[in-house]
Amino acid sequence: QKRLDTAKKTIDDAETVEVSLATSSVPDGVSGLLSAKGKGNHSPAFTGDVKVSTGGATLSAEVVAVDGTVYAKTDITPVYLTIDPASLKAPDPAGLIDADTGLTQILVQTDDLEEGKKSRDGRDVLTSVTGSLPGSVVSQVIPSATEDARFDVTYRLTDDDVLRDATMSGPFYGGSTDVTYTVRLATSDEPI
């Protein structure tokens, strides 16, 4: 837990956080988040690209999120329009960076932690840490997550306790089909 606490502090103290949250697919007939990639700060604010699956189609958009409002510009709209991400079962992208309710909170709310195997990623040797997350915590990040379920999570940390990535699996969209999201966070001292 101490290593995950350190990883959270590093991200929460950074000037800018680069976020990548993605899954390969959502269950058929479900509206949901396929990916969000961009940069933000702890205002919280975010700018980047988001893809959602809705009505059997994939919708891509440039997104700016700040002060609880999300603006999106898609291929079919030449201007930014205000959208409600909850209607697409997607999170407010700026909320992903919020220190209290965003992605880093999962690091300190994981149960049943176990240190796993080491693996190499380029020059870095990473240690995996596995655990379980309550759905009530996961749903703060992905609103469609089943609140009374448990989600499996695997973190990969550098020797300096920097989070390389996290993989969360579980019933994000109800039913019996589990979905896996991979989260990558990188920090920078450059303001955005």
Protein backbone atom coordinates (compact mmCIF):
# COMPACT_ATOMS: atom_id res chain seq x y z
CA GLN A 1 0.00 0.00 0.00
CA LYS A 2 2.87 2.35 0.75
CA ARG A 3 4.09 2.04 -2.87
CA LEU A 4 0.62 2.87 -4.22
CA ASP A 5 0.34 5.83 -1.82
CA THR A 6 3.62 7.17 -3.23
CA ALA A 7 2.42 6.68 -6.81
CA LYS A 8 -0.79 8.61 -6.05
CA LYS A 9 1.11 11.50 -4.45
CA THR A 10 3.44 11.79 -7.46
CA ILE A 11 0.49 12.09 -9.84
CA ASP A 12 -1.55 14.40 -7.59
CA ASP A 13 1.42 16.75 -7.10
CA ALA A 14 2.19 17.07 -10.82
CA GLU A 15 1.48 20.27 -12.74
CA THR A 16 0.08 18.34 -15.71
CA VAL A 17 -1.14 14.76 -16.10
CA GLU A 18 -1.31 12.91 -19.40
CA VAL A 19 -4.21 10.44 -19.35
CA SER A 20 -4.95 7.44 -21.51
CA LEU A 21 -7.98 5.28 -20.64
CA ALA A 22 -9.05 2.67 -23.17
CA THR A 23 -10.82 -0.62 -23.82
CA SER A 24 -10.91 -2.68 -26.99
CA SER A 25 -14.71 -2.87 -26.99
CA VAL A 26 -17.89 -2.55 -24.96
CA PRO A 27 -20.71 -5.15 -25.01
CA ASP A 28 -23.02 -5.13 -28.05
CA GLY A 29 -25.89 -2.68 -27.79
CA VAL A 30 -24.25 -0.71 -25.00
CA SER A 31 -23.33 2.98 -25.01
CA GLY A 32 -20.01 3.49 -23.31
CA LEU A 33 -16.51 4.92 -23.28
CA LEU A 34 -14.00 3.34 -25.68
CA SER A 35 -11.11 5.71 -25.00
CA ALA A 36 -10.08 9.05 -23.58
CA LYS A 37 -6.63 10.45 -24.27
CA GLY A 38 -5.34 13.87 -23.44
CA LYS A 39 -3.79 16.20 -20.88
CA GLY A 40 -5.17 17.98 -17.90
CA ASN A 41 -4.50 19.58 -14.57
CA HIS A 42 -5.98 19.44 -11.12
CA SER A 43 -8.35 22.40 -11.57
CA PRO A 44 -9.65 19.86 -12.78
CA ALA A 45 -9.51 20.54 -16.51
CA PHE A 46 -8.88 18.34 -19.57
CA THR A 47 -8.26 18.67 -23.28
CA GLY A 48 -7.97 15.72 -25.61
CA ASP A 49 -9.80 13.16 -27.74
CA VAL A 50 -12.58 10.84 -26.67
CA LYS A 51 -14.25 7.90 -28.43
CA VAL A 52 -17.59 6.49 -27.34
CA SER A 53 -19.73 3.68 -28.64
CA THR A 54 -23.37 4.69 -28.96
CA GLY A 55 -26.26 3.33 -30.98
CA GLY A 56 -24.01 0.76 -32.64
CA ALA A 57 -21.61 3.41 -33.96
CA THR A 58 -18.31 4.85 -32.77
CA LEU A 59 -18.29 8.59 -32.19
CA SER A 60 -14.98 10.47 -31.95
CA ALA A 61 -14.71 13.98 -30.56
CA GLU A 62 -12.22 16.62 -29.55
CA VAL A 63 -13.08 17.46 -25.96
CA VAL A 64 -12.43 20.30 -23.54
CA ALA A 65 -13.70 19.89 -20.00
CA VAL A 66 -13.48 22.53 -17.29
CA ASP A 67 -15.56 23.76 -14.33
CA GLY A 68 -17.94 20.78 -14.61
CA THR A 69 -18.83 21.52 -18.24
CA VAL A 70 -17.81 19.31 -21.16
CA TYR A 71 -17.49 20.72 -24.68
CA ALA A 72 -17.14 18.41 -27.70
CA LYS A 73 -16.49 18.92 -31.38
CA THR A 74 -17.19 15.90 -33.58
CA ASP A 75 -16.60 15.25 -37.28
CA ILE A 76 -20.19 16.27 -37.98
CA THR A 77 -20.19 19.47 -35.92
CA PRO A 78 -17.73 22.24 -36.83
CA VAL A 79 -18.04 23.95 -33.43
CA TYR A 80 -17.78 22.89 -29.81
CA LEU A 81 -21.12 21.97 -28.26
CA THR A 82 -21.91 21.39 -24.59
CA ILE A 83 -22.58 17.70 -23.91
CA ASP A 84 -23.64 15.59 -20.94
CA PRO A 85 -21.16 12.69 -20.75
CA ALA A 86 -23.45 10.80 -18.35
CA SER A 87 -25.97 10.42 -21.18
CA LEU A 88 -23.29 8.42 -23.04
CA LYS A 89 -22.36 6.47 -19.88
CA ALA A 90 -18.97 8.17 -19.98
CA PRO A 91 -17.16 10.16 -17.29
CA ASP A 92 -16.43 13.87 -17.30
CA PRO A 93 -12.85 13.73 -18.66
CA ALA A 94 -11.68 16.44 -16.25
CA GLY A 95 -12.97 14.28 -13.40
CA LEU A 96 -10.42 11.60 -14.32
CA ILE A 97 -7.70 13.91 -12.96
CA ASP A 98 -9.49 14.98 -9.77
CA ALA A 99 -7.33 13.90 -6.81
CA ASP A 100 -10.32 12.96 -4.61
CA THR A 101 -12.70 11.25 -7.05
CA GLY A 102 -10.61 10.55 -10.17
CA LEU A 103 -8.30 7.79 -11.29
CA THR A 104 -5.69 8.16 -8.55
CA GLN A 105 -8.20 7.49 -5.76
CA ILE A 106 -8.30 3.84 -6.83
CA LEU A 107 -4.67 3.51 -5.74
CA VAL A 108 -5.60 4.07 -2.10
CA GLN A 109 -8.92 2.22 -2.08
CA THR A 110 -7.76 -1.16 -3.38
CA ASP A 111 -8.29 -4.19 -1.13
CA ASP A 112 -6.51 -7.56 -0.96
CA LEU A 113 -3.21 -6.21 -2.30
CA GLU A 114 -0.56 -8.69 -3.38
CA GLU A 115 2.81 -8.03 -4.94
CA GLY A 116 3.23 -10.04 -8.11
CA LYS A 117 5.85 -10.78 -10.71
CA LYS A 118 8.38 -8.42 -12.17
CA SER A 119 8.39 -7.71 -15.89
CA ARG A 120 10.49 -5.62 -18.24
CA ASP A 121 9.12 -2.68 -20.23
CA GLY A 122 11.99 -1.38 -22.32
CA ARG A 123 14.74 -0.42 -19.89
CA ASP A 124 12.45 -0.43 -16.85
CA VAL A 125 11.75 -3.34 -14.56
CA LEU A 126 8.15 -3.15 -13.36
CA THR A 127 6.53 -4.81 -10.36
CA SER A 128 2.89 -5.82 -10.61
CA VAL A 129 0.53 -5.33 -7.67
CA THR A 130 -2.90 -6.96 -7.83
CA GLY A 131 -6.01 -6.27 -5.82
CA SER A 132 -9.75 -5.76 -5.79
CA LEU A 133 -11.80 -2.59 -6.02
CA PRO A 134 -15.37 -2.01 -4.82
CA GLY A 135 -17.76 -1.02 -7.60
CA SER A 136 -18.78 2.06 -5.60
CA VAL A 137 -15.23 3.39 -6.09
CA VAL A 138 -14.95 2.36 -9.75
CA SER A 139 -18.30 4.00 -10.59
CA GLN A 140 -16.84 7.38 -9.56
CA VAL A 141 -14.44 6.98 -12.51
CA ILE A 142 -16.70 5.13 -14.99
CA PRO A 143 -20.30 6.01 -13.99
CA SER A 144 -21.83 2.91 -15.59
CA ALA A 145 -19.81 0.49 -13.40
CA THR A 146 -21.94 -1.85 -11.29
CA GLU A 147 -21.73 -0.37 -7.79
CA ASP A 148 -22.29 -3.57 -5.81
CA ALA A 149 -19.72 -5.61 -7.78
CA ARG A 150 -15.99 -6.18 -7.29
CA PHE A 151 -13.40 -5.26 -9.92
CA ASP A 152 -10.00 -6.88 -10.37
CA VAL A 153 -7.09 -4.46 -10.77
CA THR A 154 -3.42 -4.88 -11.64
CA TYR A 155 -0.96 -2.01 -11.23
CA ARG A 156 2.54 -1.93 -12.70
CA LEU A 157 5.06 0.20 -10.80
CA THR A 158 8.63 1.21 -11.50
CA ASP A 159 11.32 0.71 -8.86
CA ASP A 160 10.75 4.39 -7.93
CA ASP A 161 7.03 3.69 -7.31
CA VAL A 162 5.88 5.55 -10.40
CA LEU A 163 2.68 4.09 -11.84
CA ARG A 164 3.25 2.87 -15.39
CA ASP A 165 -0.29 1.57 -15.94
CA ALA A 166 -3.29 -0.07 -14.34
CA THR A 167 -5.74 -2.61 -15.73
CA MET A 168 -9.28 -2.83 -14.30
CA SER A 169 -11.70 -5.64 -15.19
CA GLY A 170 -15.30 -6.17 -14.20
CA PRO A 171 -18.95 -5.42 -14.99
CA PHE A 172 -18.61 -1.84 -16.19
CA TYR A 173 -21.86 -2.08 -18.16
CA GLY A 174 -23.95 -4.51 -16.11
CA GLY A 175 -24.81 -8.03 -17.22
CA SER A 176 -22.35 -10.88 -17.20
CA THR A 177 -19.84 -9.50 -19.72
CA ASP A 178 -16.72 -8.11 -18.09
CA VAL A 179 -14.89 -5.23 -19.75
CA THR A 180 -11.22 -4.41 -19.24
CA TYR A 181 -9.91 -0.84 -19.19
CA THR A 182 -6.21 0.01 -19.30
CA VAL A 183 -5.19 3.27 -17.68
CA ARG A 184 -1.90 5.06 -18.30
CA LEU A 185 -0.92 8.23 -16.45
CA ALA A 186 2.22 10.29 -17.04
CA THR A 187 3.22 13.46 -15.22
CA SER A 188 4.87 16.68 -16.36
CA ASP A 189 5.97 19.94 -14.78
CA GLU A 190 4.95 21.85 -17.92
CA PRO A 191 1.68 23.73 -17.38
CA ILE A 192 -1.18 23.19 -19.80
